[in-house]
N, C-alpha and C. Protein backbone atom coordinates (compact mmCIF):
# COMPACT_ATOMS: atom_id res chain seq x y z
N MET A 1 -0.25 -3.80 35.56
CA MET A 1 0.86 -4.09 34.87
C MET A 1 0.79 -5.64 33.86
N GLU A 2 -0.28 -6.50 34.52
CA GLU A 2 -0.70 -7.63 33.91
C GLU A 2 -1.04 -7.39 32.39
N LEU A 3 -1.65 -6.38 32.40
CA LEU A 3 -2.13 -6.06 30.83
C LEU A 3 -1.26 -5.90 29.86
N GLN A 4 -0.05 -5.20 30.47
CA GLN A 4 0.93 -4.60 29.73
C GLN A 4 1.85 -5.96 29.24
N GLU A 5 1.73 -6.48 30.41
CA GLU A 5 2.76 -7.98 29.97
C GLU A 5 2.14 -9.01 28.96
N LEU A 6 1.01 -9.28 29.25
CA LEU A 6 -0.03 -9.80 27.94
C LEU A 6 0.16 -8.81 26.68
N LEU A 7 -0.40 -7.72 26.57
CA LEU A 7 -0.02 -6.95 25.36
C LEU A 7 1.33 -7.20 25.04
N SER A 8 2.53 -7.18 25.56
CA SER A 8 3.87 -7.05 24.79
C SER A 8 3.85 -8.70 24.55
N ALA A 9 3.54 -9.69 25.11
CA ALA A 9 3.73 -11.17 24.92
C ALA A 9 2.76 -11.21 23.66
N LEU A 10 1.76 -10.80 23.18
CA LEU A 10 0.94 -10.66 22.19
C LEU A 10 1.68 -10.05 20.86
N MET A 11 2.47 -9.23 21.30
CA MET A 11 2.74 -8.02 20.69
C MET A 11 4.42 -8.75 19.76
N GLY A 12 4.89 -9.79 19.62
CA GLY A 12 5.85 -9.87 19.36
C GLY A 12 7.05 -10.34 20.51
N GLY A 13 6.58 -10.52 21.69
CA GLY A 13 7.16 -10.92 22.89
C GLY A 13 6.87 -12.51 22.56
N THR A 14 6.55 -13.09 23.97
CA THR A 14 6.56 -14.47 23.74
C THR A 14 5.61 -15.31 22.95
N ALA A 15 4.58 -14.50 22.71
CA ALA A 15 3.74 -15.17 21.83
C ALA A 15 4.34 -15.69 20.44
N SER A 16 5.05 -14.97 19.83
CA SER A 16 5.96 -15.19 18.58
C SER A 16 6.34 -16.65 18.88
N LEU A 17 7.14 -17.12 19.67
CA LEU A 17 7.69 -18.52 20.40
C LEU A 17 6.52 -18.99 20.41
N VAL A 18 5.45 -18.86 21.15
CA VAL A 18 4.74 -20.28 21.12
C VAL A 18 3.92 -20.27 19.70
N LEU A 19 3.57 -19.23 19.03
CA LEU A 19 3.02 -19.47 17.66
C LEU A 19 4.08 -20.04 16.38
N GLY A 20 5.32 -20.05 16.70
CA GLY A 20 6.18 -20.56 15.88
C GLY A 20 6.63 -19.16 14.59
N TYR A 21 6.53 -18.16 15.03
CA TYR A 21 6.59 -16.59 14.18
C TYR A 21 7.81 -16.18 14.46
N GLU A 22 8.92 -15.32 13.69
CA GLU A 22 9.76 -14.98 14.18
C GLU A 22 9.07 -13.54 14.52
N GLY A 23 9.40 -12.73 15.50
CA GLY A 23 8.94 -11.53 16.17
C GLY A 23 9.29 -10.14 15.41
N ALA A 24 8.39 -9.31 15.00
CA ALA A 24 8.99 -8.38 14.25
C ALA A 24 10.14 -7.50 15.05
N SER A 25 11.09 -6.77 14.23
CA SER A 25 12.18 -6.10 14.78
C SER A 25 11.96 -4.88 15.79
N THR A 26 11.95 -4.59 17.15
CA THR A 26 12.09 -3.91 17.92
C THR A 26 13.21 -2.50 17.50
N LEU A 27 12.51 -1.60 16.64
CA LEU A 27 13.58 -0.52 16.62
C LEU A 27 12.93 0.72 17.13
N PRO A 28 13.64 1.65 17.43
CA PRO A 28 13.18 2.84 18.22
C PRO A 28 12.43 3.95 17.58
N LEU A 29 11.58 3.47 16.49
CA LEU A 29 11.31 4.54 15.59
C LEU A 29 10.08 4.69 16.01
N ASP A 30 9.40 4.20 17.30
CA ASP A 30 7.86 4.78 17.52
C ASP A 30 8.33 4.96 19.34
N THR A 31 9.74 5.43 19.71
CA THR A 31 9.47 6.44 21.30
C THR A 31 9.96 7.34 21.15
N PRO A 32 8.98 8.32 21.60
CA PRO A 32 7.85 8.25 22.22
C PRO A 32 6.71 7.96 20.80
N PRO A 33 5.66 6.78 21.26
CA PRO A 33 4.81 6.30 20.66
C PRO A 33 3.81 7.51 19.76
N PRO A 34 3.67 7.64 18.38
CA PRO A 34 2.73 8.74 17.84
C PRO A 34 1.66 8.63 18.01
N LEU A 35 1.08 9.82 18.19
CA LEU A 35 0.08 10.26 18.28
C LEU A 35 -1.05 9.85 16.91
N ILE A 36 -1.90 9.06 16.91
CA ILE A 36 -2.63 8.30 15.59
C ILE A 36 -3.48 9.36 14.89
N CYS A 37 -3.20 9.59 14.26
CA CYS A 37 -4.23 10.72 13.27
C CYS A 37 -4.96 10.06 12.23
N TRP A 38 -6.41 10.36 12.08
CA TRP A 38 -7.05 9.89 10.81
C TRP A 38 -7.60 10.81 10.10
N GLY A 39 -7.56 10.82 8.53
CA GLY A 39 -7.64 12.02 7.67
C GLY A 39 -7.26 11.57 6.66
N PRO A 40 -7.70 12.63 5.33
CA PRO A 40 -7.22 12.38 3.97
C PRO A 40 -5.61 12.17 3.78
N ASP A 41 -5.04 13.15 4.53
CA ASP A 41 -3.95 13.79 4.73
C ASP A 41 -2.80 12.77 5.08
N GLU A 42 -3.35 11.82 6.09
CA GLU A 42 -2.63 10.68 6.72
C GLU A 42 -2.45 9.22 5.86
N VAL A 43 -1.18 8.86 5.54
CA VAL A 43 -0.89 8.07 4.80
C VAL A 43 -0.27 6.68 5.47
N TYR A 44 -0.73 5.58 5.63
CA TYR A 44 -0.26 4.12 5.94
C TYR A 44 0.39 3.03 5.45
N VAL A 45 1.37 2.87 5.42
CA VAL A 45 1.53 1.68 4.45
C VAL A 45 1.77 0.47 5.98
N PHE A 46 1.68 -0.77 5.50
CA PHE A 46 1.92 -1.87 6.43
C PHE A 46 2.55 -2.65 5.85
N THR A 47 3.29 -3.33 6.68
CA THR A 47 4.88 -4.54 6.39
C THR A 47 4.49 -5.63 7.14
N GLY A 48 5.06 -6.66 7.18
CA GLY A 48 5.30 -7.94 7.94
C GLY A 48 3.88 -8.87 8.11
N ARG A 49 3.72 -9.64 9.44
CA ARG A 49 2.30 -9.95 8.98
C ARG A 49 1.93 -9.82 10.48
N PHE A 50 0.60 -9.57 10.23
CA PHE A 50 -0.61 -9.39 11.58
C PHE A 50 -0.99 -10.54 12.48
N ALA A 51 -1.34 -10.31 13.43
CA ALA A 51 -1.69 -11.36 14.45
C ALA A 51 -2.89 -11.75 14.16
N TYR A 52 -3.95 -10.33 14.45
CA TYR A 52 -5.26 -11.02 14.35
C TYR A 52 -5.96 -10.26 13.05
N ASP A 53 -5.62 -9.77 12.14
CA ASP A 53 -6.20 -9.89 10.68
C ASP A 53 -5.23 -10.07 9.58
N THR A 54 -5.73 -9.74 8.49
CA THR A 54 -4.91 -9.55 6.97
C THR A 54 -4.46 -8.55 7.10
N ARG A 55 -3.78 -8.02 6.24
CA ARG A 55 -3.15 -7.05 6.00
C ARG A 55 -4.63 -6.01 5.43
N LYS A 56 -5.17 -6.75 4.38
CA LYS A 56 -6.41 -6.11 3.53
C LYS A 56 -7.03 -5.19 4.71
N ASP A 57 -7.39 -6.69 5.60
CA ASP A 57 -8.53 -5.86 6.35
C ASP A 57 -8.17 -4.53 7.58
N CYS A 58 -6.48 -4.67 7.74
CA CYS A 58 -6.14 -3.25 8.19
C CYS A 58 -6.28 -2.55 7.80
N GLU A 59 -5.74 -2.37 6.45
CA GLU A 59 -6.00 -1.12 5.86
C GLU A 59 -7.51 -1.01 5.39
N ARG A 60 -8.56 -1.69 5.37
CA ARG A 60 -9.62 -1.31 5.18
C ARG A 60 -10.26 -0.54 6.63
N GLU A 61 -9.64 -1.45 7.55
CA GLU A 61 -10.02 -0.26 9.27
C GLU A 61 -9.32 1.12 8.99
N VAL A 62 -8.04 1.46 8.46
CA VAL A 62 -7.41 2.79 7.92
C VAL A 62 -8.52 3.44 7.20
N THR A 63 -8.80 3.13 6.19
CA THR A 63 -9.70 3.65 5.01
C THR A 63 -10.93 4.42 5.43
N GLU A 64 -11.50 3.18 6.81
CA GLU A 64 -12.99 3.66 7.04
C GLU A 64 -13.10 4.67 8.06
N ARG A 65 -11.92 5.13 8.56
CA ARG A 65 -11.84 6.09 9.28
C ARG A 65 -11.12 7.21 8.89
N GLY A 66 -10.68 7.25 7.53
CA GLY A 66 -10.46 8.61 6.63
C GLY A 66 -9.09 8.29 6.42
N GLY A 67 -8.34 7.80 6.45
CA GLY A 67 -7.28 7.33 6.26
C GLY A 67 -6.94 6.64 4.89
N THR A 68 -5.69 7.17 3.99
CA THR A 68 -5.33 6.46 2.77
C THR A 68 -4.33 5.19 3.24
N CYS A 69 -4.01 4.48 2.75
CA CYS A 69 -3.21 3.44 2.37
C CYS A 69 -2.56 3.50 1.17
N GLU A 70 -0.99 3.29 0.97
CA GLU A 70 -0.34 2.77 0.15
C GLU A 70 0.53 1.77 0.39
N PRO A 71 0.92 1.29 -0.89
CA PRO A 71 1.86 -0.17 -0.88
C PRO A 71 3.38 0.26 -0.10
N ASN A 72 3.69 1.51 -0.90
CA ASN A 72 5.22 1.53 -0.48
C ASN A 72 5.23 2.92 0.06
N ILE A 73 6.59 2.92 1.12
CA ILE A 73 7.16 4.19 1.69
C ILE A 73 7.78 5.23 0.94
N THR A 74 7.03 6.37 0.85
CA THR A 74 7.24 7.87 0.44
C THR A 74 7.41 8.74 1.23
N ARG A 75 7.75 10.20 1.02
CA ARG A 75 7.75 11.10 1.99
C ARG A 75 6.18 11.56 2.22
N ARG A 76 5.23 10.78 1.68
CA ARG A 76 3.90 11.00 1.91
C ARG A 76 3.41 10.34 2.97
N THR A 77 4.39 9.45 3.07
CA THR A 77 3.79 8.42 4.67
C THR A 77 4.02 9.03 6.01
N SER A 78 2.73 8.72 6.54
CA SER A 78 2.50 9.09 8.10
C SER A 78 2.90 8.25 9.00
N PHE A 79 2.60 7.21 8.62
CA PHE A 79 2.58 5.74 9.54
C PHE A 79 3.11 4.59 8.82
N LEU A 80 4.26 3.88 9.19
CA LEU A 80 4.48 2.62 9.03
C LEU A 80 3.92 1.46 9.81
N VAL A 81 2.81 1.01 9.45
CA VAL A 81 2.57 -0.18 10.66
C VAL A 81 3.18 -1.77 10.37
N ILE A 82 4.51 -1.86 11.48
CA ILE A 82 4.83 -3.19 11.31
C ILE A 82 4.26 -4.27 12.06
N GLY A 83 3.73 -5.37 11.36
CA GLY A 83 3.08 -6.50 11.83
C GLY A 83 3.88 -6.92 12.99
N THR A 84 2.94 -7.83 13.51
CA THR A 84 3.27 -8.52 14.89
C THR A 84 4.54 -9.11 14.75
N PHE A 85 4.78 -9.95 13.50
CA PHE A 85 5.48 -11.06 13.24
C PHE A 85 6.56 -10.34 12.03
N GLY A 86 7.62 -10.59 12.15
CA GLY A 86 8.55 -10.57 10.88
C GLY A 86 7.92 -11.70 9.79
N SER A 87 8.71 -11.30 8.80
CA SER A 87 8.69 -12.03 7.34
C SER A 87 9.65 -12.66 6.66
N ARG A 88 9.67 -13.71 6.42
CA ARG A 88 10.61 -14.85 5.84
C ARG A 88 11.58 -13.51 5.09
N ASP A 89 10.67 -13.18 4.08
CA ASP A 89 10.79 -12.29 2.88
C ASP A 89 11.75 -11.01 3.05
N TRP A 90 11.67 -10.64 4.64
CA TRP A 90 12.38 -9.48 4.79
C TRP A 90 13.85 -9.43 4.12
N VAL A 91 14.62 -8.77 3.81
CA VAL A 91 15.94 -8.73 3.06
C VAL A 91 17.09 -8.77 4.55
N GLN A 92 16.54 -8.40 5.63
CA GLN A 92 17.24 -8.60 6.73
C GLN A 92 16.89 -9.55 7.55
N SER A 93 17.18 -9.99 8.62
CA SER A 93 16.73 -10.93 9.03
C SER A 93 15.75 -10.60 10.24
N SER A 94 15.69 -9.27 10.58
CA SER A 94 14.75 -8.33 11.58
C SER A 94 14.24 -7.56 10.84
N TYR A 95 14.30 -7.00 9.62
CA TYR A 95 13.36 -6.05 8.96
C TYR A 95 13.71 -6.14 7.81
N GLY A 96 13.14 -5.45 6.85
CA GLY A 96 12.60 -5.33 5.48
C GLY A 96 13.11 -4.24 4.97
N ARG A 97 13.07 -3.84 3.59
CA ARG A 97 12.82 -2.77 2.71
C ARG A 97 12.31 -1.61 3.08
N LYS A 98 10.72 -1.95 3.37
CA LYS A 98 9.87 -0.97 3.88
C LYS A 98 10.61 -0.15 5.05
N ILE A 99 11.06 -1.23 6.31
CA ILE A 99 11.49 -0.11 7.52
C ILE A 99 12.67 0.55 7.09
N GLN A 100 13.44 -0.21 6.14
CA GLN A 100 14.85 0.59 5.93
C GLN A 100 14.79 1.79 5.35
N ARG A 101 13.24 1.99 4.23
CA ARG A 101 13.31 3.22 3.80
C ARG A 101 12.73 4.36 4.72
N ALA A 102 11.79 3.75 5.65
CA ALA A 102 11.41 4.62 6.79
C ALA A 102 12.63 5.46 7.06
N ALA A 103 13.52 4.33 7.72
CA ALA A 103 14.40 5.08 8.65
C ALA A 103 15.16 6.11 7.67
N GLU A 104 15.23 5.94 6.44
CA GLU A 104 16.37 6.68 5.55
C GLU A 104 15.62 7.80 5.72
N LEU A 105 14.26 8.03 5.56
CA LEU A 105 13.61 8.92 5.41
C LEU A 105 13.52 10.29 6.53
């Protein structure tokens, strides 16, 4: 249980308060958690700020595993990866246009 609490704190829980960033939204879009797949047919889109690396580095990890990254949500999108921290640039206080578009699709 301690590991789960630590991961929760690092992924937008109390860590966001400690680091001074607003945590990303907790939307029911990943309940139950999806099975992560890698391959040329899997399209990843990233949004928000990430705790452990830059968006560019995260995208590189996907492409090294055989996935594809795109800048915007489309019907081809397989996964929207939401960063640990929200962004002051998001249109809404807790989510942005990419999250809104994903929910619409």
